[in-house]
Amino acid sequence: MARMAKFVGVAALGLALSGCVSQEKYNALKLDRDSLAEQLGKSQNDSAAARAEADALKGQLGMLGQNNQGINGLVSNLQQQNATLQAQLDELNRRYAEAMNRPAGLTALPKPLSDELSAFAAQNPDLLDFDAARGIVKFKSDVTFASGDATVTARAKDVLGRFATILNSPAAAGYELMVAGHTDNTRVANPNTMKAGHHDNWYLSAHRAITVSAELRNHNVNPQRLGVVGYADQRPIASNASESGKAQNRRVEVLILPTTVKVGPPTDVASGGETSRTSRGNGVASKRGVMNKDSATVKTESGPVLNK
C-alpha cells in the first residue's frame, strides 16, 4: 500500500516537473492514479474487515474456553450423580439379597405384624402371597395389572389400600419398604405394550413397581420409607420352562425390611413423579388363564388369542 501511494505521488511530481504533456498521456496517467487509489481504498477496507473478523474470532475463542469450563463442570456433576445413583442401587441390591437369603423357618417381622400380614394374604389368596420368613408380600402380576401394562386393576387398588393401612399401623410404620418388580423371560413383543412405554422386561418390571409404590403413597405411606427397583427376569423364583413357573415369576414384591427408618412429615403424595398411564388392553387373569404379559399370542382353553 505504501508503494502504491508513493507511485501516485511520484506520478504527480513527474507531471509537475515535465511541464506540458500530451493530453493522451495525461489521461492515461490519471487513469492509472485513479485505479491505484481505488485499489488502495479497497485494500484498506479489506484490512479493516480482516481485523474485525480476527477480533470476532478471538472473542469466540474466549467464549468457547468459558463454555468448555462449563461443560467440564456439567460432566463432573453428572459423574457425581451417577456415582450416587449407583451406590443407591448397590444398597438396594444388597438389601434384596439379604432378605432373600434369610433362613427359612424364622419370622422376619414381629409376630403381631407377621400374623396380621398372614391373615391379610389369606383373605386375598388369588392376588398375593406373604412370605413370613423373609417379610415379603408378593402381588401376582396376572391379577394386579391389566394385560401387558402397568395399570393397577380396580380390585388391586382396593387391596393395596388395605395393605397401606397395615403398613401405616404402629406395628409397621417404622419399617423401610422396597418395591421390586419382576417378569418372566418372555420377550416383550406386543406393539401395544411397547407403545405404552414398556419397551422390554426391564421397563415393564420397573413401571409396575413404580405403580405399586405410587398406590401406596396415595394411601399416605411416607415416600421416605420407599425404594423402587425393577429386576426384569433376572430374579426368578420358579422355572420359566412351564406356564405355572412363569406366572410365579410375574410378580411385584414389597419387602418389609427389618430395619427402621426415621421419617419426617409425609410429602405431597399426589405429585409422586410418575406420569399417568392408560391401559392399552383389557385382558385380566381368569379361569381361562389369559397370560398377563407381552407376547404376541397367549394360550387359553379355547386356543391362542391376541394379547391386547
C-alpha atoms as a PDB file:
ATOM      1  CA  MET A   1       0.000   0.000   0.000  1.00  0.00           C
ATOM      2  CA  ALA A   2       2.878   2.368   0.784  1.00  0.00           C
ATOM      3  CA  ARG A   3       4.362   1.612  -2.634  1.00  0.00           C
ATOM      4  CA  MET A   4       1.036   2.486  -4.319  1.00  0.00           C
ATOM      5  CA  ALA A   5       0.839   5.783  -2.501  1.00  0.00           C
ATOM      6  CA  LYS A   6       4.470   6.544  -3.380  1.00  0.00           C
ATOM      7  CA  PHE A   7       3.801   5.749  -7.043  1.00  0.00           C
ATOM      8  CA  VAL A   8       0.817   8.070  -7.168  1.00  0.00           C
ATOM      9  CA  GLY A   9       2.891  10.835  -5.611  1.00  0.00           C
ATOM     10  CA  VAL A  10       5.818  10.313  -7.994  1.00  0.00           C
ATOM     11  CA  ALA A  11       3.460  10.349 -10.967  1.00  0.00           C
ATOM     12  CA  ALA A  12       2.022  13.671  -9.857  1.00  0.00           C
ATOM     13  CA  LEU A  13       5.510  15.090  -9.241  1.00  0.00           C
ATOM     14  CA  GLY A  14       6.600  13.941 -12.668  1.00  0.00           C
ATOM     15  CA  LEU A  15       3.768  15.828 -14.262  1.00  0.00           C
ATOM     16  CA  ALA A  16       4.649  18.959 -12.355  1.00  0.00           C
ATOM     17  CA  LEU A  17       8.358  18.827 -13.387  1.00  0.00           C
ATOM     18  CA  SER A  18       7.911  17.926 -17.015  1.00  0.00           C
ATOM     19  CA  GLY A  19       5.580  20.760 -17.746  1.00  0.00           C
ATOM     20  CA  CYS A  20       3.400  20.155 -20.732  1.00  0.00           C
ATOM     21  CA  VAL A  21       2.495  16.585 -21.623  1.00  0.00           C
ATOM     22  CA  SER A  22       0.192  15.280 -24.261  1.00  0.00           C
ATOM     23  CA  GLN A  23      -3.464  15.037 -23.314  1.00  0.00           C
ATOM     24  CA  GLU A  24      -3.413  11.322 -24.115  1.00  0.00           C
ATOM     25  CA  LYS A  25      -0.505  10.686 -21.781  1.00  0.00           C
ATOM     26  CA  TYR A  26      -2.087  12.775 -19.081  1.00  0.00           C
ATOM     27  CA  ASN A  27      -5.327  10.882 -19.283  1.00  0.00           C
ATOM     28  CA  ALA A  28      -3.501   7.528 -19.106  1.00  0.00           C
ATOM     29  CA  LEU A  29      -1.575   8.614 -16.028  1.00  0.00           C
ATOM     30  CA  LYS A  30      -4.759   9.920 -14.420  1.00  0.00           C
ATOM     31  CA  LEU A  31      -6.476   6.586 -15.029  1.00  0.00           C
ATOM     32  CA  ASP A  32      -3.522   4.750 -13.510  1.00  0.00           C
ATOM     33  CA  ARG A  33      -3.608   7.037 -10.493  1.00  0.00           C
ATOM     34  CA  ASP A  34      -7.367   6.591 -10.005  1.00  0.00           C
ATOM     35  CA  SER A  35      -7.036   2.823 -10.342  1.00  0.00           C
ATOM     36  CA  LEU A  36      -4.252   2.696  -7.789  1.00  0.00           C
ATOM     37  CA  ALA A  37      -6.217   4.924  -5.416  1.00  0.00           C
ATOM     38  CA  GLU A  38      -9.226   2.612  -5.756  1.00  0.00           C
ATOM     39  CA  GLN A  39      -7.051  -0.426  -5.079  1.00  0.00           C
ATOM     40  CA  LEU A  40      -5.577   1.315  -2.066  1.00  0.00           C
ATOM     41  CA  GLY A  41      -9.028   2.070  -0.668  1.00  0.00           C
ATOM     42  CA  LYS A  42     -10.179  -1.487  -1.255  1.00  0.00           C
ATOM     43  CA  SER A  43      -7.064  -2.863   0.424  1.00  0.00           C
ATOM     44  CA  GLN A  44      -7.643  -0.631   3.417  1.00  0.00           C
ATOM     45  CA  ASN A  45     -11.272  -1.792   3.682  1.00  0.00           C
ATOM     46  CA  ASP A  46     -10.206  -5.435   3.366  1.00  0.00           C
ATOM     47  CA  SER A  47      -7.605  -4.910   6.051  1.00  0.00           C
ATOM     48  CA  ALA A  48     -10.177  -3.378   8.395  1.00  0.00           C
ATOM     49  CA  ALA A  49     -12.606  -6.234   7.718  1.00  0.00           C
ATOM     50  CA  ALA A  50      -9.878  -8.780   8.383  1.00  0.00           C
ATOM     51  CA  ARG A  51      -9.020  -7.101  11.692  1.00  0.00           C
ATOM     52  CA  ALA A  52     -12.709  -7.091  12.701  1.00  0.00           C
ATOM     53  CA  GLU A  53     -13.048 -10.770  11.790  1.00  0.00           C
ATOM     54  CA  ALA A  54      -9.896 -11.588  13.751  1.00  0.00           C
ATOM     55  CA  ASP A  55     -11.291  -9.741  16.779  1.00  0.00           C
ATOM     56  CA  ALA A  56     -14.605 -11.639  16.431  1.00  0.00           C
ATOM     57  CA  LEU A  57     -12.806 -14.980  16.214  1.00  0.00           C
ATOM     58  CA  LYS A  58     -10.738 -14.051  19.249  1.00  0.00           C
ATOM     59  CA  GLY A  59     -13.946 -13.303  21.155  1.00  0.00           C
ATOM     60  CA  GLN A  60     -15.487 -16.590  20.045  1.00  0.00           C
ATOM     61  CA  LEU A  61     -12.401 -18.488  21.178  1.00  0.00           C
ATOM     62  CA  GLY A  62     -12.685 -16.821  24.557  1.00  0.00           C
ATOM     63  CA  MET A  63     -16.345 -17.820  24.807  1.00  0.00           C
ATOM     64  CA  LEU A  64     -15.507 -21.387  23.769  1.00  0.00           C
ATOM     65  CA  GLY A  65     -12.947 -21.532  26.541  1.00  0.00           C
ATOM     66  CA  GLN A  66     -15.545 -20.402  29.064  1.00  0.00           C
ATOM     67  CA  ASN A  67     -18.128 -22.847  27.673  1.00  0.00           C
ATOM     68  CA  ASN A  68     -15.608 -25.664  27.851  1.00  0.00           C
ATOM     69  CA  GLN A  69     -15.114 -24.948  31.528  1.00  0.00           C
ATOM     70  CA  GLY A  70     -18.896 -25.030  31.972  1.00  0.00           C
ATOM     71  CA  ILE A  71     -19.180 -28.335  30.089  1.00  0.00           C
ATOM     72  CA  ASN A  72     -16.429 -29.843  32.218  1.00  0.00           C
ATOM     73  CA  GLY A  73     -18.375 -28.781  35.293  1.00  0.00           C
ATOM     74  CA  LEU A  74     -21.563 -30.386  33.960  1.00  0.00           C
ATOM     75  CA  VAL A  75     -19.719 -33.624  33.156  1.00  0.00           C
ATOM     76  CA  SER A  76     -18.234 -33.696  36.641  1.00  0.00           C
ATOM     77  CA  ASN A  77     -21.674 -33.091  38.173  1.00  0.00           C
ATOM     78  CA  LEU A  78     -23.252 -35.886  36.107  1.00  0.00           C
ATOM     79  CA  GLN A  79     -20.458 -38.261  37.109  1.00  0.00           C
ATOM     80  CA  GLN A  80     -21.110 -37.489  40.766  1.00  0.00           C
ATOM     81  CA  GLN A  81     -24.847 -38.050  40.305  1.00  0.00           C
ATOM     82  CA  ASN A  82     -24.212 -41.361  38.537  1.00  0.00           C
ATOM     83  CA  ALA A  83     -21.911 -42.462  41.342  1.00  0.00           C
ATOM     84  CA  THR A  84     -24.587 -41.580  43.900  1.00  0.00           C
ATOM     85  CA  LEU A  85     -27.287 -43.463  41.977  1.00  0.00           C
ATOM     86  CA  GLN A  86     -25.010 -46.476  41.562  1.00  0.00           C
ATOM     87  CA  ALA A  87     -24.332 -46.500  45.298  1.00  0.00           C
ATOM     88  CA  GLN A  88     -28.075 -46.387  45.989  1.00  0.00           C
ATOM     89  CA  LEU A  89     -28.702 -49.240  43.545  1.00  0.00           C
ATOM     90  CA  ASP A  90     -25.925 -51.300  45.110  1.00  0.00           C
ATOM     91  CA  GLU A  91     -27.524 -50.773  48.520  1.00  0.00           C
ATOM     92  CA  LEU A  92     -30.945 -51.839  47.213  1.00  0.00           C
ATOM     93  CA  ASN A  93     -29.432 -54.959  45.659  1.00  0.00           C
ATOM     94  CA  ARG A  94     -27.614 -55.766  48.892  1.00  0.00           C
ATOM     95  CA  ARG A  95     -30.780 -55.446  50.930  1.00  0.00           C
ATOM     96  CA  TYR A  96     -32.767 -57.511  48.461  1.00  0.00           C
ATOM     97  CA  ALA A  97     -30.171 -60.293  48.521  1.00  0.00           C
ATOM     98  CA  GLU A  98     -30.055 -60.122  52.329  1.00  0.00           C
ATOM     99  CA  ALA A  99     -33.836 -60.508  52.559  1.00  0.00           C
ATOM    100  CA  MET A 100     -33.945 -63.392  50.098  1.00  0.00           C
ATOM    101  CA  ASN A 101     -31.137 -65.241  51.875  1.00  0.00           C
ATOM    102  CA  ARG A 102     -32.741 -65.257  55.307  1.00  0.00           C
ATOM    103  CA  PRO A 103     -33.029 -68.829  56.524  1.00  0.00           C
ATOM    104  CA  ALA A 104     -36.423 -70.484  56.300  1.00  0.00           C
ATOM    105  CA  GLY A 105     -38.314 -71.271  59.483  1.00  0.00           C
ATOM    106  CA  LEU A 106     -37.698 -67.886  61.043  1.00  0.00           C
ATOM    107  CA  THR A 107     -40.021 -64.910  61.189  1.00  0.00           C
ATOM    108  CA  ALA A 108     -38.526 -61.721  59.811  1.00  0.00           C
ATOM    109  CA  LEU A 109     -41.054 -59.417  61.464  1.00  0.00           C
ATOM    110  CA  PRO A 110     -42.567 -59.150  64.952  1.00  0.00           C
ATOM    111  CA  LYS A 111     -45.224 -61.819  65.456  1.00  0.00           C
ATOM    112  CA  PRO A 112     -48.259 -59.477  65.694  1.00  0.00           C
ATOM    113  CA  LEU A 113     -47.320 -57.816  62.400  1.00  0.00           C
ATOM    114  CA  SER A 114     -46.466 -61.126  60.750  1.00  0.00           C
ATOM    115  CA  ASP A 115     -49.779 -62.607  61.896  1.00  0.00           C
ATOM    116  CA  GLU A 116     -51.704 -59.615  60.540  1.00  0.00           C
ATOM    117  CA  LEU A 117     -49.991 -59.904  57.145  1.00  0.00           C
ATOM    118  CA  SER A 118     -50.630 -63.660  57.068  1.00  0.00           C
ATOM    119  CA  ALA A 119     -54.322 -63.055  57.698  1.00  0.00           C
ATOM    120  CA  PHE A 120     -54.327 -60.336  55.021  1.00  0.00           C
ATOM    121  CA  ALA A 121     -52.826 -62.766  52.485  1.00  0.00           C
ATOM    122  CA  ALA A 122     -55.314 -65.472  53.482  1.00  0.00           C
ATOM    123  CA  GLN A 123     -58.157 -63.042  52.703  1.00  0.00           C
ATOM    124  CA  ASN A 124     -56.756 -62.384  49.200  1.00  0.00           C
ATOM    125  CA  PRO A 125     -55.127 -65.641  48.075  1.00  0.00           C
ATOM    126  CA  ASP A 126     -55.778 -65.001  44.375  1.00  0.00           C
ATOM    127  CA  LEU A 127     -53.958 -61.665  44.475  1.00  0.00           C
ATOM    128  CA  LEU A 128     -50.992 -62.032  46.814  1.00  0.00           C
ATOM    129  CA  ASP A 129     -48.817 -64.264  48.977  1.00  0.00           C
ATOM    130  CA  PHE A 130     -46.947 -63.467  52.183  1.00  0.00           C
ATOM    131  CA  ASP A 131     -43.506 -64.929  52.865  1.00  0.00           C
ATOM    132  CA  ALA A 132     -43.254 -64.657  56.661  1.00  0.00           C
ATOM    133  CA  ALA A 133     -39.660 -65.904  56.773  1.00  0.00           C
ATOM    134  CA  ARG A 134     -38.493 -63.025  54.603  1.00  0.00           C
ATOM    135  CA  GLY A 135     -41.130 -60.390  55.326  1.00  0.00           C
ATOM    136  CA  ILE A 136     -42.190 -60.166  51.681  1.00  0.00           C
ATOM    137  CA  VAL A 137     -45.675 -59.562  50.296  1.00  0.00           C
ATOM    138  CA  LYS A 138     -45.836 -60.803  46.677  1.00  0.00           C
ATOM    139  CA  PHE A 139     -48.500 -59.363  44.410  1.00  0.00           C
ATOM    140  CA  LYS A 140     -49.314 -61.590  41.444  1.00  0.00           C
ATOM    141  CA  SER A 141     -48.940 -59.552  38.256  1.00  0.00           C
ATOM    142  CA  ASP A 142     -51.595 -61.508  36.364  1.00  0.00           C
ATOM    143  CA  VAL A 143     -54.242 -60.192  38.774  1.00  0.00           C
ATOM    144  CA  THR A 144     -52.661 -56.936  39.905  1.00  0.00           C
ATOM    145  CA  PHE A 145     -52.260 -55.418  36.435  1.00  0.00           C
ATOM    146  CA  ALA A 146     -54.030 -55.201  33.128  1.00  0.00           C
ATOM    147  CA  SER A 147     -52.507 -57.424  30.458  1.00  0.00           C
ATOM    148  CA  GLY A 148     -49.197 -56.144  29.129  1.00  0.00           C
ATOM    149  CA  ASP A 149     -49.476 -52.904  31.105  1.00  0.00           C
ATOM    150  CA  ALA A 150     -48.558 -51.284  34.407  1.00  0.00           C
ATOM    151  CA  THR A 151     -52.088 -50.092  35.215  1.00  0.00           C
ATOM    152  CA  VAL A 152     -53.356 -51.441  38.533  1.00  0.00           C
ATOM    153  CA  THR A 153     -56.734 -53.153  38.336  1.00  0.00           C
ATOM    154  CA  ALA A 154     -59.663 -51.877  40.397  1.00  0.00           C
ATOM    155  CA  ARG A 155     -59.528 -54.929  42.641  1.00  0.00           C
ATOM    156  CA  ALA A 156     -55.802 -54.486  43.245  1.00  0.00           C
ATOM    157  CA  LYS A 157     -56.303 -50.804  44.073  1.00  0.00           C
ATOM    158  CA  ASP A 158     -58.717 -51.755  46.836  1.00  0.00           C
ATOM    159  CA  VAL A 159     -56.360 -54.401  48.236  1.00  0.00           C
ATOM    160  CA  LEU A 160     -53.355 -52.060  48.071  1.00  0.00           C
ATOM    161  CA  GLY A 161     -55.360 -49.524  50.057  1.00  0.00           C
ATOM    162  CA  ARG A 162     -55.925 -52.077  52.819  1.00  0.00           C
ATOM    163  CA  PHE A 163     -52.258 -53.093  52.632  1.00  0.00           C
ATOM    164  CA  ALA A 164     -51.234 -49.459  53.112  1.00  0.00           C
ATOM    165  CA  THR A 165     -53.369 -49.327  56.259  1.00  0.00           C
ATOM    166  CA  ILE A 166     -51.310 -52.194  57.690  1.00  0.00           C
ATOM    167  CA  LEU A 167     -48.041 -50.530  56.646  1.00  0.00           C
ATOM    168  CA  ASN A 168     -49.117 -47.309  58.367  1.00  0.00           C
ATOM    169  CA  SER A 169     -50.101 -49.069  61.583  1.00  0.00           C
ATOM    170  CA  PRO A 170     -47.916 -48.544  64.677  1.00  0.00           C
ATOM    171  CA  ALA A 171     -46.529 -52.079  64.301  1.00  0.00           C
ATOM    172  CA  ALA A 172     -45.152 -51.401  60.808  1.00  0.00           C
ATOM    173  CA  ALA A 173     -44.864 -47.616  60.435  1.00  0.00           C
ATOM    174  CA  GLY A 174     -41.153 -47.539  61.240  1.00  0.00           C
ATOM    175  CA  TYR A 175     -40.036 -50.124  58.696  1.00  0.00           C
ATOM    176  CA  GLU A 176     -38.444 -49.360  55.359  1.00  0.00           C
ATOM    177  CA  LEU A 177     -40.082 -50.777  52.242  1.00  0.00           C
ATOM    178  CA  MET A 178     -38.620 -51.978  48.963  1.00  0.00           C
ATOM    179  CA  VAL A 179     -40.918 -52.456  45.966  1.00  0.00           C
ATOM    180  CA  ALA A 180     -39.356 -54.847  43.424  1.00  0.00           C
ATOM    181  CA  GLY A 181     -40.882 -55.623  40.023  1.00  0.00           C
ATOM    182  CA  HIS A 182     -40.255 -58.926  38.205  1.00  0.00           C
ATOM    183  CA  THR A 183     -41.262 -60.535  34.922  1.00  0.00           C
ATOM    184  CA  ASP A 184     -40.879 -63.941  33.314  1.00  0.00           C
ATOM    185  CA  ASN A 185     -38.355 -64.430  30.500  1.00  0.00           C
ATOM    186  CA  THR A 186     -40.786 -63.985  27.583  1.00  0.00           C
ATOM    187  CA  ARG A 187     -39.552 -61.134  25.425  1.00  0.00           C
ATOM    188  CA  VAL A 188     -41.761 -58.068  25.044  1.00  0.00           C
ATOM    189  CA  ALA A 189     -43.160 -58.253  21.503  1.00  0.00           C
ATOM    190  CA  ASN A 190     -46.683 -56.840  21.579  1.00  0.00           C
ATOM    191  CA  PRO A 191     -46.694 -53.440  19.805  1.00  0.00           C
ATOM    192  CA  ASN A 192     -49.323 -52.101  22.216  1.00  0.00           C
ATOM    193  CA  THR A 193     -47.130 -52.995  25.189  1.00  0.00           C
ATOM    194  CA  MET A 194     -44.170 -51.179  23.668  1.00  0.00           C
ATOM    195  CA  LYS A 195     -46.361 -48.255  22.614  1.00  0.00           C
ATOM    196  CA  ALA A 196     -47.365 -47.860  26.263  1.00  0.00           C
ATOM    197  CA  GLY A 197     -43.675 -47.337  27.102  1.00  0.00           C
ATOM    198  CA  HIS A 198     -42.827 -50.865  28.270  1.00  0.00           C
ATOM    199  CA  HIS A 199     -40.108 -51.454  25.679  1.00  0.00           C
ATOM    200  CA  ASP A 200     -38.712 -54.580  27.303  1.00  0.00           C
ATOM    201  CA  ASN A 201     -38.952 -56.580  30.526  1.00  0.00           C
ATOM    202  CA  TRP A 202     -36.756 -54.099  32.372  1.00  0.00           C
ATOM    203  CA  TYR A 203     -39.163 -51.258  31.622  1.00  0.00           C
ATOM    204  CA  LEU A 204     -42.223 -53.360  32.417  1.00  0.00           C
ATOM    205  CA  SER A 205     -40.908 -54.590  35.765  1.00  0.00           C
ATOM    206  CA  ALA A 206     -39.786 -51.098  36.811  1.00  0.00           C
ATOM    207  CA  HIS A 207     -43.030 -49.441  35.706  1.00  0.00           C
ATOM    208  CA  ARG A 208     -45.125 -51.945  37.648  1.00  0.00           C
ATOM    209  CA  ALA A 209     -43.037 -51.433  40.772  1.00  0.00           C
ATOM    210  CA  ILE A 210     -43.396 -47.656  40.371  1.00  0.00           C
ATOM    211  CA  THR A 211     -47.169 -48.006  40.022  1.00  0.00           C
ATOM    212  CA  VAL A 212     -47.484 -50.078  43.211  1.00  0.00           C
ATOM    213  CA  SER A 213     -45.270 -47.578  45.031  1.00  0.00           C
ATOM    214  CA  ALA A 214     -47.484 -44.725  43.808  1.00  0.00           C
ATOM    215  CA  GLU A 215     -50.614 -46.504  45.060  1.00  0.00           C
ATOM    216  CA  LEU A 216     -49.048 -46.906  48.496  1.00  0.00           C
ATOM    217  CA  ARG A 217     -48.092 -43.231  48.566  1.00  0.00           C
ATOM    218  CA  ASN A 218     -51.619 -42.315  47.527  1.00  0.00           C
ATOM    219  CA  HIS A 219     -52.715 -44.033  50.743  1.00  0.00           C
ATOM    220  CA  ASN A 220     -50.317 -41.980  52.875  1.00  0.00           C
ATOM    221  CA  VAL A 221     -47.352 -44.349  53.043  1.00  0.00           C
ATOM    222  CA  ASN A 222     -44.457 -41.957  53.575  1.00  0.00           C
ATOM    223  CA  PRO A 223     -42.264 -41.877  50.420  1.00  0.00           C
ATOM    224  CA  GLN A 224     -39.170 -41.618  52.611  1.00  0.00           C
ATOM    225  CA  ARG A 225     -39.773 -45.250  53.532  1.00  0.00           C
ATOM    226  CA  LEU A 226     -39.880 -46.471  49.925  1.00  0.00           C
ATOM    227  CA  GLY A 227     -37.310 -47.751  47.473  1.00  0.00           C
ATOM    228  CA  VAL A 228     -38.228 -48.980  43.981  1.00  0.00           C
ATOM    229  CA  VAL A 229     -36.329 -51.346  41.687  1.00  0.00           C
ATOM    230  CA  GLY A 230     -37.070 -53.394  38.547  1.00  0.00           C
ATOM    231  CA  TYR A 231     -35.330 -56.741  38.018  1.00  0.00           C
ATOM    232  CA  ALA A 232     -36.956 -57.887  34.743  1.00  0.00           C
ATOM    233  CA  ASP A 233     -36.459 -61.678  34.521  1.00  0.00           C
ATOM    234  CA  GLN A 234     -33.187 -61.724  36.464  1.00  0.00           C
ATOM    235  CA  ARG A 235     -34.585 -62.910  39.846  1.00  0.00           C
ATOM    236  CA  PRO A 236     -36.878 -65.872  39.039  1.00  0.00           C
ATOM    237  CA  ILE A 237     -38.416 -67.849  41.891  1.00  0.00           C
ATOM    238  CA  ALA A 238     -39.581 -70.693  39.625  1.00  0.00           C
ATOM    239  CA  SER A 239     -38.588 -72.261  36.333  1.00  0.00           C
ATOM    240  CA  ASN A 240     -39.623 -70.387  33.207  1.00  0.00           C
ATOM    241  CA  ALA A 241     -39.927 -73.700  31.394  1.00  0.00           C
ATOM    242  CA  SER A 242     -43.607 -74.002  32.373  1.00  0.00           C
ATOM    243  CA  GLU A 243     -46.545 -71.597  32.281  1.00  0.00           C
ATOM    244  CA  SER A 244     -47.133 -72.056  36.003  1.00  0.00           C
ATOM    245  CA  GLY A 245     -43.487 -71.171  36.702  1.00  0.00           C
ATOM    246  CA  LYS A 246     -43.727 -68.101  34.505  1.00  0.00           C
ATOM    247  CA  ALA A 247     -46.867 -66.997  36.337  1.00  0.00           C
ATOM    248  CA  GLN A 248     -44.992 -67.196  39.656  1.00  0.00           C
ATOM    249  CA  ASN A 249     -42.151 -65.107  38.251  1.00  0.00           C
ATOM    250  CA  ARG A 250     -44.513 -62.333  37.118  1.00  0.00           C
ATOM    251  CA  ARG A 251     -44.836 -60.516  40.430  1.00  0.00           C
ATOM    252  CA  VAL A 252     -44.278 -57.294  42.362  1.00  0.00           C
ATOM    253  CA  GLU A 253     -42.770 -57.807  45.797  1.00  0.00           C
ATOM    254  CA  VAL A 254     -42.997 -55.432  48.728  1.00  0.00           C
ATOM    255  CA  LEU A 255     -40.143 -56.191  51.115  1.00  0.00           C
ATOM    256  CA  ILE A 256     -40.770 -55.022  54.675  1.00  0.00           C
ATOM    257  CA  LEU A 257     -37.169 -54.590  55.778  1.00  0.00           C
ATOM    258  CA  PRO A 258     -36.244 -55.422  59.360  1.00  0.00           C
ATOM    259  CA  THR A 259     -34.544 -52.067  59.771  1.00  0.00           C
ATOM    260  CA  THR A 260     -36.259 -48.932  60.911  1.00  0.00           C
ATOM    261  CA  VAL A 261     -36.071 -45.507  59.318  1.00  0.00           C
ATOM    262  CA  LYS A 262     -36.679 -42.091  60.830  1.00  0.00           C
ATOM    263  CA  VAL A 263     -39.061 -40.192  58.603  1.00  0.00           C
ATOM    264  CA  GLY A 264     -40.212 -36.618  58.526  1.00  0.00           C
ATOM    265  CA  PRO A 265     -43.695 -35.363  57.719  1.00  0.00           C
ATOM    266  CA  PRO A 266     -45.221 -37.034  54.643  1.00  0.00           C
ATOM    267  CA  THR A 267     -44.649 -35.153  51.403  1.00  0.00           C
ATOM    268  CA  ASP A 268     -47.265 -34.491  48.738  1.00  0.00           C
ATOM    269  CA  VAL A 269     -48.132 -37.966  47.538  1.00  0.00           C
ATOM    270  CA  ALA A 270     -50.207 -36.637  44.683  1.00  0.00           C
ATOM    271  CA  SER A 271     -47.109 -35.476  42.817  1.00  0.00           C
ATOM    272  CA  GLY A 272     -45.030 -38.599  43.009  1.00  0.00           C
ATOM    273  CA  GLY A 273     -43.291 -38.049  39.698  1.00  0.00           C
ATOM    274  CA  GLU A 274     -44.896 -40.815  37.649  1.00  0.00           C
ATOM    275  CA  THR A 275     -46.749 -39.951  34.521  1.00  0.00           C
ATOM    276  CA  SER A 276     -50.256 -41.273  34.238  1.00  0.00           C
ATOM    277  CA  ARG A 277     -50.734 -44.356  32.091  1.00  0.00           C
ATOM    278  CA  THR A 278     -53.800 -45.518  30.229  1.00  0.00           C
ATOM    279  CA  SER A 279     -54.395 -49.227  29.969  1.00  0.00           C
ATOM    280  CA  ARG A 280     -53.684 -50.430  26.457  1.00  0.00           C
ATOM    281  CA  GLY A 281     -55.589 -53.684  26.889  1.00  0.00           C
ATOM    282  CA  ASN A 282     -58.473 -55.300  28.665  1.00  0.00           C
ATOM    283  CA  GLY A 283     -57.059 -58.766  29.395  1.00  0.00           C
ATOM    284  CA  VAL A 284     -57.172 -59.929  33.002  1.00  0.00           C
ATOM    285  CA  ALA A 285     -56.344 -63.219  34.640  1.00  0.00           C
ATOM    286  CA  SER A 286     -59.240 -65.628  34.985  1.00  0.00           C
ATOM    287  CA  LYS A 287     -60.092 -69.304  34.982  1.00  0.00           C
ATOM    288  CA  ARG A 288     -59.340 -69.321  31.276  1.00  0.00           C
ATOM    289  CA  GLY A 289     -55.718 -68.485  32.076  1.00  0.00           C
ATOM    290  CA  VAL A 290     -55.090 -65.400  29.959  1.00  0.00           C
ATOM    291  CA  MET A 291     -51.398 -64.600  30.257  1.00  0.00           C
ATOM    292  CA  ASN A 292     -50.731 -61.135  31.664  1.00  0.00           C
ATOM    293  CA  LYS A 293     -47.716 -60.181  29.608  1.00  0.00           C
ATOM    294  CA  ASP A 294     -46.399 -59.061  26.334  1.00  0.00           C
ATOM    295  CA  SER A 295     -46.026 -61.923  23.890  1.00  0.00           C
ATOM    296  CA  ALA A 296     -47.862 -61.734  20.579  1.00  0.00           C
ATOM    297  CA  THR A 297     -50.286 -64.534  21.457  1.00  0.00           C
ATOM    298  CA  VAL A 298     -51.310 -66.326  24.631  1.00  0.00           C
ATOM    299  CA  LYS A 299     -52.891 -69.686  25.250  1.00  0.00           C
ATOM    300  CA  THR A 300     -56.332 -70.237  26.674  1.00  0.00           C
ATOM    301  CA  GLU A 301     -58.585 -73.244  26.901  1.00  0.00           C
ATOM    302  CA  SER A 302     -60.017 -72.355  23.506  1.00  0.00           C
ATOM    303  CA  GLY A 303     -56.657 -71.702  21.809  1.00  0.00           C
ATOM    304  CA  PRO A 304     -54.369 -68.697  21.213  1.00  0.00           C
ATOM    305  CA  VAL A 305     -55.780 -65.203  21.383  1.00  0.00           C
ATOM    306  CA  LEU A 306     -54.168 -61.869  20.644  1.00  0.00           C
ATOM    307  CA  ASN A 307     -52.660 -60.325  23.757  1.00  0.00           C
ATOM    308  CA  LYS A 308     -54.094 -56.802  23.888  1.00  0.00           C
END
